[in-house]
Amino acid sequence: MITIWHNPRCSKSRQTLALLEDKGAVSVRRYLEDAPTLLELQEVLARLGGAAIDMMRPKEARFKELGLSKTDSDATLLTAMAENPILIERPIVLSDNKAAIGRPPEAVLDVL
């Protein structure tokens, strides 16, 4: 099953969801309303294979309000995302063992 962490107010998230729906069934998780846990964020980071900052929105006002830096540790950034899901880059698409960020939307096709 393919799952998308979705924010319907985001055009890239809407485009990615439409792309996924054209390919078949997709489960939608509105991550702002149903925030992922720290453990879930750690698992997604492992699937993405990058650094925590890569799955964040550093230009989001909350990032600055919290005094975060792009050089903070993964643990610090993951905790901030768990407590402030607005900081999570959108959309994130998950399959059984892969993940991708839909920027651009076509980037998620590798997880299908």
C-alpha atoms as a PDB file:
ATOM      1  CA  MET A   1       0.000   0.000   0.000  1.00  0.00           C
ATOM      2  CA  ILE A   2       1.187   3.475  -0.868  1.00  0.00           C
ATOM      3  CA  THR A   3       0.677   6.205   1.746  1.00  0.00           C
ATOM      4  CA  ILE A   4       1.037   9.942   1.237  1.00  0.00           C
ATOM      5  CA  TRP A   5       1.613  12.399   4.054  1.00  0.00           C
ATOM      6  CA  HIS A   6      -0.585  15.079   2.572  1.00  0.00           C
ATOM      7  CA  ASN A   7      -1.423  18.727   3.120  1.00  0.00           C
ATOM      8  CA  PRO A   8      -4.395  19.653   0.891  1.00  0.00           C
ATOM      9  CA  ARG A   9      -3.418  23.347   1.018  1.00  0.00           C
ATOM     10  CA  CYS A  10      -0.119  22.589  -0.776  1.00  0.00           C
ATOM     11  CA  SER A  11      -0.153  22.528  -4.584  1.00  0.00           C
ATOM     12  CA  LYS A  12       2.772  20.057  -4.794  1.00  0.00           C
ATOM     13  CA  SER A  13       0.983  17.764  -2.367  1.00  0.00           C
ATOM     14  CA  ARG A  14      -2.232  17.937  -4.412  1.00  0.00           C
ATOM     15  CA  GLN A  15      -0.304  17.274  -7.645  1.00  0.00           C
ATOM     16  CA  THR A  16       1.468  14.297  -6.086  1.00  0.00           C
ATOM     17  CA  LEU A  17      -1.780  12.862  -4.758  1.00  0.00           C
ATOM     18  CA  ALA A  18      -3.375  13.150  -8.213  1.00  0.00           C
ATOM     19  CA  LEU A  19      -0.375  11.406  -9.758  1.00  0.00           C
ATOM     20  CA  LEU A  20      -0.632   8.576  -7.231  1.00  0.00           C
ATOM     21  CA  GLU A  21      -4.389   8.206  -7.664  1.00  0.00           C
ATOM     22  CA  ASP A  22      -3.829   7.770 -11.405  1.00  0.00           C
ATOM     23  CA  LYS A  23      -1.509   4.846 -10.582  1.00  0.00           C
ATOM     24  CA  GLY A  24      -3.907   3.082  -8.192  1.00  0.00           C
ATOM     25  CA  ALA A  25      -4.963   2.978  -4.560  1.00  0.00           C
ATOM     26  CA  VAL A  26      -3.349   5.344  -2.107  1.00  0.00           C
ATOM     27  CA  SER A  27      -3.868   5.934   1.602  1.00  0.00           C
ATOM     28  CA  VAL A  28      -3.925   9.610   2.608  1.00  0.00           C
ATOM     29  CA  ARG A  29      -2.601  10.782   5.940  1.00  0.00           C
ATOM     30  CA  ARG A  30      -3.159  14.431   6.758  1.00  0.00           C
ATOM     31  CA  TYR A  31      -0.017  14.745   8.798  1.00  0.00           C
ATOM     32  CA  LEU A  32      -0.929  18.147  10.260  1.00  0.00           C
ATOM     33  CA  GLU A  33      -4.020  16.590  11.874  1.00  0.00           C
ATOM     34  CA  ASP A  34      -2.502  13.140  12.480  1.00  0.00           C
ATOM     35  CA  ALA A  35       1.086  14.003  13.326  1.00  0.00           C
ATOM     36  CA  PRO A  36       3.712  11.274  12.954  1.00  0.00           C
ATOM     37  CA  THR A  37       5.514  10.125  16.063  1.00  0.00           C
ATOM     38  CA  LEU A  38       9.229  10.516  16.571  1.00  0.00           C
ATOM     39  CA  LEU A  39       9.649   6.800  15.814  1.00  0.00           C
ATOM     40  CA  GLU A  40       7.716   7.141  12.548  1.00  0.00           C
ATOM     41  CA  LEU A  41       9.864  10.099  11.542  1.00  0.00           C
ATOM     42  CA  GLN A  42      13.031   8.122  12.309  1.00  0.00           C
ATOM     43  CA  GLU A  43      11.760   5.244  10.148  1.00  0.00           C
ATOM     44  CA  VAL A  44      10.923   7.575   7.269  1.00  0.00           C
ATOM     45  CA  LEU A  45      14.336   9.217   7.510  1.00  0.00           C
ATOM     46  CA  ALA A  46      15.951   5.779   7.269  1.00  0.00           C
ATOM     47  CA  ARG A  47      13.908   5.010   4.138  1.00  0.00           C
ATOM     48  CA  LEU A  48      14.801   8.348   2.566  1.00  0.00           C
ATOM     49  CA  GLY A  49      18.470   7.775   3.280  1.00  0.00           C
ATOM     50  CA  GLY A  50      19.388  11.396   3.847  1.00  0.00           C
ATOM     51  CA  ALA A  51      19.651  13.874   6.676  1.00  0.00           C
ATOM     52  CA  ALA A  52      16.715  15.106   8.742  1.00  0.00           C
ATOM     53  CA  ILE A  53      17.061  18.608   7.306  1.00  0.00           C
ATOM     54  CA  ASP A  54      16.197  17.134   3.877  1.00  0.00           C
ATOM     55  CA  MET A  55      12.685  16.308   5.094  1.00  0.00           C
ATOM     56  CA  MET A  56      12.114  19.717   6.696  1.00  0.00           C
ATOM     57  CA  ARG A  57      10.814  23.100   5.655  1.00  0.00           C
ATOM     58  CA  PRO A  58      13.576  25.420   6.935  1.00  0.00           C
ATOM     59  CA  LYS A  59      11.871  28.476   5.436  1.00  0.00           C
ATOM     60  CA  GLU A  60       8.775  27.822   7.558  1.00  0.00           C
ATOM     61  CA  ALA A  61       8.364  30.584  10.153  1.00  0.00           C
ATOM     62  CA  ARG A  62       8.158  28.008  12.961  1.00  0.00           C
ATOM     63  CA  PHE A  63      11.695  26.819  12.114  1.00  0.00           C
ATOM     64  CA  LYS A  64      13.071  30.259  12.947  1.00  0.00           C
ATOM     65  CA  GLU A  65      10.748  30.719  15.936  1.00  0.00           C
ATOM     66  CA  LEU A  66      12.178  27.538  17.482  1.00  0.00           C
ATOM     67  CA  GLY A  67      15.740  28.765  16.922  1.00  0.00           C
ATOM     68  CA  LEU A  68      16.554  25.785  14.714  1.00  0.00           C
ATOM     69  CA  SER A  69      19.504  25.639  12.359  1.00  0.00           C
ATOM     70  CA  LYS A  70      20.218  23.564   9.265  1.00  0.00           C
ATOM     71  CA  THR A  71      23.279  22.269  11.109  1.00  0.00           C
ATOM     72  CA  ASP A  72      21.343  20.941  14.130  1.00  0.00           C
ATOM     73  CA  SER A  73      21.588  17.211  14.766  1.00  0.00           C
ATOM     74  CA  ASP A  74      19.121  14.808  13.177  1.00  0.00           C
ATOM     75  CA  ALA A  75      17.801  14.017  16.658  1.00  0.00           C
ATOM     76  CA  THR A  76      17.055  17.691  17.348  1.00  0.00           C
ATOM     77  CA  LEU A  77      15.372  18.208  13.988  1.00  0.00           C
ATOM     78  CA  LEU A  78      13.320  15.002  14.188  1.00  0.00           C
ATOM     79  CA  THR A  79      12.084  15.960  17.654  1.00  0.00           C
ATOM     80  CA  ALA A  80      11.127  19.402  16.352  1.00  0.00           C
ATOM     81  CA  MET A  81       9.155  17.804  13.493  1.00  0.00           C
ATOM     82  CA  ALA A  82       7.375  15.430  15.873  1.00  0.00           C
ATOM     83  CA  GLU A  83       6.334  18.363  18.042  1.00  0.00           C
ATOM     84  CA  ASN A  84       5.654  20.745  15.114  1.00  0.00           C
ATOM     85  CA  PRO A  85       4.464  18.787  12.053  1.00  0.00           C
ATOM     86  CA  ILE A  86       4.218  22.027  10.053  1.00  0.00           C
ATOM     87  CA  LEU A  87       8.012  21.659   9.715  1.00  0.00           C
ATOM     88  CA  ILE A  88       7.718  18.405   7.724  1.00  0.00           C
ATOM     89  CA  GLU A  89       8.385  18.809   4.003  1.00  0.00           C
ATOM     90  CA  ARG A  90       5.411  17.814   1.933  1.00  0.00           C
ATOM     91  CA  PRO A  91       4.400  15.539   0.519  1.00  0.00           C
ATOM     92  CA  ILE A  92       6.165  12.387   1.647  1.00  0.00           C
ATOM     93  CA  VAL A  93       5.164   9.153  -0.052  1.00  0.00           C
ATOM     94  CA  LEU A  94       5.786   5.783   1.569  1.00  0.00           C
ATOM     95  CA  SER A  95       5.683   2.221   0.332  1.00  0.00           C
ATOM     96  CA  ASP A  96       6.610  -0.904   2.277  1.00  0.00           C
ATOM     97  CA  ASN A  97      10.331  -0.149   2.341  1.00  0.00           C
ATOM     98  CA  LYS A  98      10.863   3.063   0.366  1.00  0.00           C
ATOM     99  CA  ALA A  99      10.060   6.727   0.734  1.00  0.00           C
ATOM    100  CA  ALA A 100      10.310   9.825  -1.429  1.00  0.00           C
ATOM    101  CA  ILE A 101       9.539  13.498  -1.129  1.00  0.00           C
ATOM    102  CA  GLY A 102       7.247  14.757  -3.887  1.00  0.00           C
ATOM    103  CA  ARG A 103       9.333  17.704  -4.991  1.00  0.00           C
ATOM    104  CA  PRO A 104       8.834  17.505  -7.903  1.00  0.00           C
ATOM    105  CA  PRO A 105       5.756  15.236  -7.764  1.00  0.00           C
ATOM    106  CA  GLU A 106       7.305  12.806 -10.248  1.00  0.00           C
ATOM    107  CA  ALA A 107      10.056  12.030  -7.731  1.00  0.00           C
ATOM    108  CA  VAL A 108       7.656   9.690  -5.934  1.00  0.00           C
ATOM    109  CA  LEU A 109       7.319   7.334  -8.901  1.00  0.00           C
ATOM    110  CA  ASP A 110      10.408   5.456  -7.687  1.00  0.00           C
ATOM    111  CA  VAL A 111       8.499   4.149  -4.650  1.00  0.00           C
ATOM    112  CA  LEU A 112       5.652   2.645  -6.681  1.00  0.00           C
END
